[in-house]
């Protein structure tokens, strides 16, 4: 049987963990966009939350295509996931399939492009 002292300690630890998780989730929601690079080579951009699991909202997929006139030039496209045939409200991401993720700098080309679309 657990003593009252251990029970109080357990409750405090659980409350701290939940508080940190909620604070992290709130902070991530306030941030603009993040980039997520998957093991498949796909790159997603969206509003990332990390608690209770990795979720991407208002997501875009970054597509890279070769310029037919000059095969040394890459063209980049941001396609909204909401326009896809399978259009989910939110993407739940598996941590084992993520190579890296992080917030976009406001000065990045993609962040500026997304800010223009919002206006």
Protein backbone atom coordinates (compact mmCIF):
# COMPACT_ATOMS: atom_id res chain seq x y z
CA UNK A 1 0.00 0.00 0.00
CA UNK A 2 1.23 3.48 -0.88
CA UNK A 3 1.86 5.93 1.95
CA UNK A 4 0.21 9.35 1.96
CA UNK A 5 3.59 11.00 1.39
CA UNK A 6 4.23 8.91 -1.76
CA UNK A 7 0.68 9.48 -3.00
CA UNK A 8 1.03 13.27 -2.62
CA UNK A 9 4.38 13.14 -4.41
CA UNK A 10 2.84 11.11 -7.26
CA UNK A 11 -0.06 13.57 -7.62
CA UNK A 12 2.36 16.53 -7.71
CA UNK A 13 4.52 14.84 -10.37
CA UNK A 14 1.46 14.03 -12.51
CA UNK A 15 0.19 17.61 -12.23
CA UNK A 16 3.59 19.01 -13.21
CA UNK A 17 3.81 16.68 -16.24
CA UNK A 18 0.29 17.59 -17.36
CA UNK A 19 0.99 21.30 -16.80
CA UNK A 20 4.20 21.18 -18.84
CA UNK A 21 2.42 19.28 -21.61
CA UNK A 22 -0.43 21.78 -21.77
CA UNK A 23 1.99 24.72 -21.70
CA UNK A 24 4.06 23.16 -24.50
CA UNK A 25 0.93 22.52 -26.55
CA UNK A 26 -0.26 26.12 -26.04
CA UNK A 27 3.16 27.51 -26.98
CA UNK A 28 3.30 25.38 -30.14
CA UNK A 29 -0.22 26.48 -31.15
CA UNK A 30 0.80 30.12 -30.82
CA UNK A 31 3.81 29.62 -33.09
CA UNK A 32 3.18 30.06 -36.76
CA UNK A 33 4.33 27.23 -38.97
CA UNK A 34 6.69 24.32 -38.55
CA UNK A 35 8.36 22.04 -41.08
CA UNK A 36 8.25 18.25 -40.75
CA UNK A 37 10.56 16.05 -42.82
CA UNK A 38 9.55 12.38 -43.04
CA UNK A 39 11.63 9.28 -43.75
CA UNK A 40 9.72 8.95 -47.05
CA UNK A 41 11.20 12.25 -48.24
CA UNK A 42 7.90 14.10 -47.95
CA UNK A 43 8.02 17.56 -46.42
CA UNK A 44 4.99 18.98 -44.64
CA UNK A 45 4.50 22.50 -43.34
CA UNK A 46 1.78 23.33 -40.86
CA UNK A 47 0.86 24.27 -37.32
CA UNK A 48 2.50 21.59 -35.20
CA UNK A 49 1.46 20.47 -31.74
CA UNK A 50 3.49 17.92 -29.83
CA UNK A 51 1.20 17.00 -26.93
CA UNK A 52 -0.34 14.46 -26.48
CA UNK A 53 0.98 13.33 -29.86
CA UNK A 54 2.45 14.99 -32.94
CA UNK A 55 -0.32 16.69 -34.91
CA UNK A 56 -0.13 18.97 -37.92
CA UNK A 57 -3.03 21.36 -38.67
CA UNK A 58 -3.49 23.78 -41.57
CA UNK A 59 -0.95 21.63 -43.36
CA UNK A 60 0.73 21.94 -46.75
CA UNK A 61 2.87 19.46 -48.62
CA UNK A 62 6.01 20.81 -50.26
CA UNK A 63 6.43 19.47 -53.79
CA UNK A 64 9.63 19.80 -55.77
CA UNK A 65 9.44 19.48 -59.56
CA UNK A 66 12.02 19.87 -62.29
CA UNK A 67 11.63 22.69 -64.78
CA UNK A 68 10.96 21.00 -68.15
CA UNK A 69 12.90 23.71 -69.97
CA UNK A 70 15.95 23.47 -67.69
CA UNK A 71 16.37 20.20 -65.76
CA UNK A 72 18.92 21.78 -63.44
CA UNK A 73 16.26 24.11 -61.99
CA UNK A 74 13.84 22.96 -59.29
CA UNK A 75 10.39 24.47 -58.87
CA UNK A 76 8.73 24.42 -55.46
CA UNK A 77 5.00 24.24 -54.79
CA UNK A 78 3.03 24.38 -51.55
CA UNK A 79 -0.16 22.38 -51.91
CA UNK A 80 -2.73 22.62 -49.10
CA UNK A 81 -3.64 19.24 -47.65
CA UNK A 82 -7.27 20.41 -47.46
CA UNK A 83 -7.33 20.28 -51.28
CA UNK A 84 -6.13 16.67 -51.40
CA UNK A 85 -8.59 13.89 -52.18
CA UNK A 86 -8.03 12.45 -48.71
CA UNK A 87 -8.19 15.93 -46.99
CA UNK A 88 -7.91 15.32 -43.23
CA UNK A 89 -8.61 17.98 -40.60
CA UNK A 90 -5.40 17.06 -38.83
CA UNK A 91 -2.42 14.85 -39.61
CA UNK A 92 -1.36 12.60 -36.75
CA UNK A 93 2.33 11.90 -37.24
CA UNK A 94 4.29 8.84 -36.14
CA UNK A 95 7.53 9.78 -34.38
CA UNK A 96 9.34 6.83 -35.95
CA UNK A 97 8.70 8.27 -39.45
CA UNK A 98 10.02 11.76 -38.69
CA UNK A 99 13.60 12.68 -39.56
CA UNK A 100 13.32 16.19 -38.10
CA UNK A 101 10.85 18.96 -37.35
CA UNK A 102 11.09 22.56 -36.22
CA UNK A 103 9.56 26.01 -36.46
CA UNK A 104 9.98 28.04 -39.64
CA UNK A 105 11.82 31.31 -39.36
CA UNK A 106 9.51 34.24 -40.15
CA UNK A 107 12.09 35.38 -42.75
CA UNK A 108 12.06 32.06 -44.63
CA UNK A 109 10.68 31.99 -48.16
CA UNK A 110 7.93 29.55 -47.19
CA UNK A 111 6.85 31.56 -44.12
CA UNK A 112 6.63 34.72 -46.25
CA UNK A 113 4.62 32.86 -48.91
CA UNK A 114 2.20 31.54 -46.29
CA UNK A 115 1.84 35.01 -44.71
CA UNK A 116 0.95 36.44 -48.14
CA UNK A 117 -1.76 33.80 -48.60
CA UNK A 118 -3.36 34.69 -45.27
CA UNK A 119 -3.71 38.38 -46.22
